[in-house]
């Protein structure tokens, strides 16, 4: 899929808008004790931040796992982003999967509280890289 520069900017902005929306939603869910939904929303905040990067660099992922691999390949291994951000995205995907699909898995405040600061930092780094901060 080939997009014009204007279309890429529009898509970037839409992904970042969705990213901010999911981050806010995750915080609200967390504050209300809905840790399952918070985990899901924190993951999707990261997901949309990564896709904002991808659209501006003409990188396309066909799956969540593919997104993780390509983010690592194009942004972590090249030194653009720190390795901890690559592992964050993978960990958040795993947590989201457990929250969404494993009926026996219990998510507590502690299991996601330590992830929020790095998620916020990651999103800020993405925006800085994209020069939209």
Protein backbone atom coordinates (compact mmCIF):
# COMPACT_ATOMS: atom_id res chain seq x y z
CA UNK A 1 0.00 0.00 0.00
CA UNK A 2 1.57 3.22 -1.12
CA UNK A 3 0.52 6.41 0.64
CA UNK A 4 1.27 9.99 -0.23
CA UNK A 5 3.22 12.02 2.34
CA UNK A 6 0.01 13.83 3.28
CA UNK A 7 -1.84 10.55 3.78
CA UNK A 8 0.99 9.24 5.97
CA UNK A 9 0.84 12.37 8.13
CA UNK A 10 -2.92 12.03 8.48
CA UNK A 11 -2.59 8.37 9.47
CA UNK A 12 0.22 9.21 11.90
CA UNK A 13 -1.94 11.83 13.55
CA UNK A 14 -4.90 9.45 13.78
CA UNK A 15 -2.73 6.74 15.36
CA UNK A 16 -1.34 9.22 17.89
CA UNK A 17 -4.82 10.49 18.67
CA UNK A 18 -5.95 6.92 19.28
CA UNK A 19 -2.81 6.30 21.34
CA UNK A 20 -3.65 9.24 23.62
CA UNK A 21 -7.27 8.13 23.87
CA UNK A 22 -6.28 4.60 24.91
CA UNK A 23 -3.74 5.92 27.42
CA UNK A 24 -6.41 8.09 29.05
CA UNK A 25 -8.89 5.20 29.01
CA UNK A 26 -6.30 2.88 30.59
CA UNK A 27 -5.63 5.37 33.38
CA UNK A 28 -9.35 5.70 34.08
CA UNK A 29 -9.80 1.92 34.15
CA UNK A 30 -6.80 1.53 36.43
CA UNK A 31 -8.08 4.18 38.84
CA UNK A 32 -11.46 2.41 38.93
CA UNK A 33 -9.89 -0.97 39.69
CA UNK A 34 -10.61 -2.47 36.26
CA UNK A 35 -7.11 -3.86 35.76
CA UNK A 36 -8.06 -6.25 32.95
CA UNK A 37 -9.32 -3.44 30.74
CA UNK A 38 -6.46 -1.18 31.81
CA UNK A 39 -3.93 -3.79 30.61
CA UNK A 40 -5.73 -4.00 27.28
CA UNK A 41 -5.87 -0.22 26.83
CA UNK A 42 -2.21 0.30 27.85
CA UNK A 43 -1.19 -2.26 25.23
CA UNK A 44 -3.25 -0.55 22.54
CA UNK A 45 -1.78 2.84 23.45
CA UNK A 46 1.64 1.30 22.67
CA UNK A 47 0.24 -0.43 19.57
CA UNK A 48 -0.95 2.84 18.05
CA UNK A 49 2.29 4.64 18.94
CA UNK A 50 4.22 1.94 17.06
CA UNK A 51 1.87 2.14 14.10
CA UNK A 52 2.40 5.91 13.94
CA UNK A 53 6.11 5.12 13.56
CA UNK A 54 5.42 2.44 10.99
CA UNK A 55 3.19 4.55 8.76
CA UNK A 56 5.77 7.34 8.60
CA UNK A 57 8.50 4.83 7.71
CA UNK A 58 6.39 2.75 5.30
CA UNK A 59 6.60 -0.35 7.46
CA UNK A 60 3.59 -2.66 7.52
CA UNK A 61 2.87 -5.40 10.04
CA UNK A 62 0.28 -8.09 9.47
CA UNK A 63 0.01 -9.26 13.07
CA UNK A 64 0.76 -8.23 16.62
CA UNK A 65 3.79 -10.52 16.66
CA UNK A 66 4.92 -9.07 13.33
CA UNK A 67 4.66 -5.61 14.82
CA UNK A 68 6.94 -6.66 17.69
CA UNK A 69 9.49 -8.18 15.32
CA UNK A 70 9.51 -5.21 12.97
CA UNK A 71 9.69 -2.67 15.79
CA UNK A 72 12.72 -4.50 17.13
CA UNK A 73 14.32 -4.81 13.69
CA UNK A 74 13.81 -1.23 12.52
CA UNK A 75 13.86 0.77 15.74
CA UNK A 76 15.58 -1.15 18.54
CA UNK A 77 18.42 -2.96 16.76
CA UNK A 78 19.23 0.26 14.90
CA UNK A 79 19.54 2.17 18.18
CA UNK A 80 16.67 4.56 17.54
CA UNK A 81 14.83 3.28 20.62
CA UNK A 82 16.19 1.61 23.73
CA UNK A 83 15.84 -2.18 24.02
CA UNK A 84 13.63 -1.79 27.09
CA UNK A 85 10.95 -0.30 24.86
CA UNK A 86 10.98 -3.37 22.63
CA UNK A 87 10.60 -5.66 25.61
CA UNK A 88 7.87 -3.40 27.02
CA UNK A 89 5.73 -3.85 23.93
CA UNK A 90 6.20 -7.63 23.99
CA UNK A 91 5.39 -7.77 27.71
CA UNK A 92 2.30 -5.63 27.29
CA UNK A 93 1.08 -7.85 24.46
CA UNK A 94 1.54 -10.91 26.67
CA UNK A 95 -0.29 -9.23 29.55
CA UNK A 96 -3.10 -8.15 27.23
CA UNK A 97 -3.41 -11.69 25.87
CA UNK A 98 -3.62 -13.12 29.39
CA UNK A 99 -6.14 -10.47 30.43
CA UNK A 100 -8.31 -11.03 27.37
CA UNK A 101 -8.12 -14.79 26.92
CA UNK A 102 -7.05 -16.56 30.13
CA UNK A 103 -10.03 -16.79 32.44
CA UNK A 104 -7.81 -18.05 35.27
CA UNK A 105 -5.29 -15.21 35.08
CA UNK A 106 -5.63 -12.51 37.74
CA UNK A 107 -4.36 -9.02 37.00
CA UNK A 108 -3.62 -6.90 40.02
CA UNK A 109 -2.79 -3.24 40.42
CA UNK A 110 0.80 -4.23 41.08
CA UNK A 111 1.07 -6.20 37.84
CA UNK A 112 0.55 -3.08 35.74
CA UNK A 113 1.38 -0.12 38.02
CA UNK A 114 5.11 -0.30 37.26
CA UNK A 115 4.49 -0.37 33.51
CA UNK A 116 2.63 2.94 33.19
CA UNK A 117 5.67 5.22 33.64
CA UNK A 118 7.65 3.44 30.92
CA UNK A 119 4.60 3.42 28.64
CA UNK A 120 4.24 7.18 29.05
CA UNK A 121 7.97 7.60 28.44
CA UNK A 122 7.79 5.40 25.33
CA UNK A 123 4.90 7.40 23.88
CA UNK A 124 6.77 10.65 24.56
CA UNK A 125 9.86 9.25 22.79
CA UNK A 126 7.75 8.22 19.79
CA UNK A 127 6.25 11.71 19.56
CA UNK A 128 9.67 13.30 19.90
CA UNK A 129 11.05 11.03 17.16
CA UNK A 130 8.11 11.93 14.93
CA UNK A 131 8.55 15.59 15.87
CA UNK A 132 4.98 15.99 17.07
CA UNK A 133 5.61 16.41 20.81
